[in-house]
């Protein structure tokens, strides 16, 4: 099993690649996922240092490096939406996802992790957090709000899902050419794609293609808090298509914590961690070295991983 560290925890810090590689050495981790907060200059510098240090890249998180084409728009896995109803945005999404696939090929990374967009609907993050925190004290209000959200999503999702399928259809031949899997990630908010049912639709539509399910433990936990799915449903139904895992903990709606620092029961992950897929610890930007070290130790203990991750 490959325990990898996402570059997410280093986002926004002044530390350069040498500090990151020093920490990887201390943790005996020889695998990383490069994610979307890395710009082109940082990307090429980081890749050079990773190669020199003999650190493997298991996966890239689209878009990587991020395009930085729109002033004021922050780096994001949804920088361009693959499910956008706007043809020009979809074209840009395919173009820049192709660039990520090319970079993954150069780095011999096996998977590109994709966000797949969302239904256009109002998102009040403070209200969502209140609903999650007060769902047991105000069940009627919570259930009414959730029903309204799901009804809106259902009424609006048709063209959004169709747009996503169109983009994936264009990307699959490129992924096949480079021998890379498209890892479609379960998301945090209920308006985001894909739902569990939509993931089934995608896998059925592209059966036999290099498209798989990328499981995010924190996102699955959030959707369980929202009463949408039990955490284990994702893996029990999609485990055969699993191509990677984002590992992080959560307390309530606050996620991307070091494993062991939150309330997630990782039991359902155990059978899948034994397979040959990337297990990527994806921690919040700015997580300190003590938190990263603590999380890595917990991950190795939780899943009985070797203390020295040098199986390759």
Foldseek 3Di string as FASTA:
>chain_A
DAEEAECQQAQPPPDALVVVVVLCVVQLHQEYEYEAQAAPVRQVRNVVVSVVSNRAYQEYEPQVPHDPPDPPDHGDLPSQALLDPDPVSVVVRLVRVLVRLVVCLVRVHAEYEHFHWFFDDDDDPVVLLVLLVCCVVCVVVLVVVLVVVVVVLVVGCVSSLVSNLVSVVVCQVSCVVSNHAYEYEQAQDPRGDDDLVSVVVSCVVQPPTRYAYEYEQLSLVNCVSSVNDHSLVNCVVRVVRYAYYADWADAGNRIQFQPPPYDDDCVSCQVSVPDPHYYYHGHHHNDDSVRVSVSSVNVCVVRVNDSNSPPD
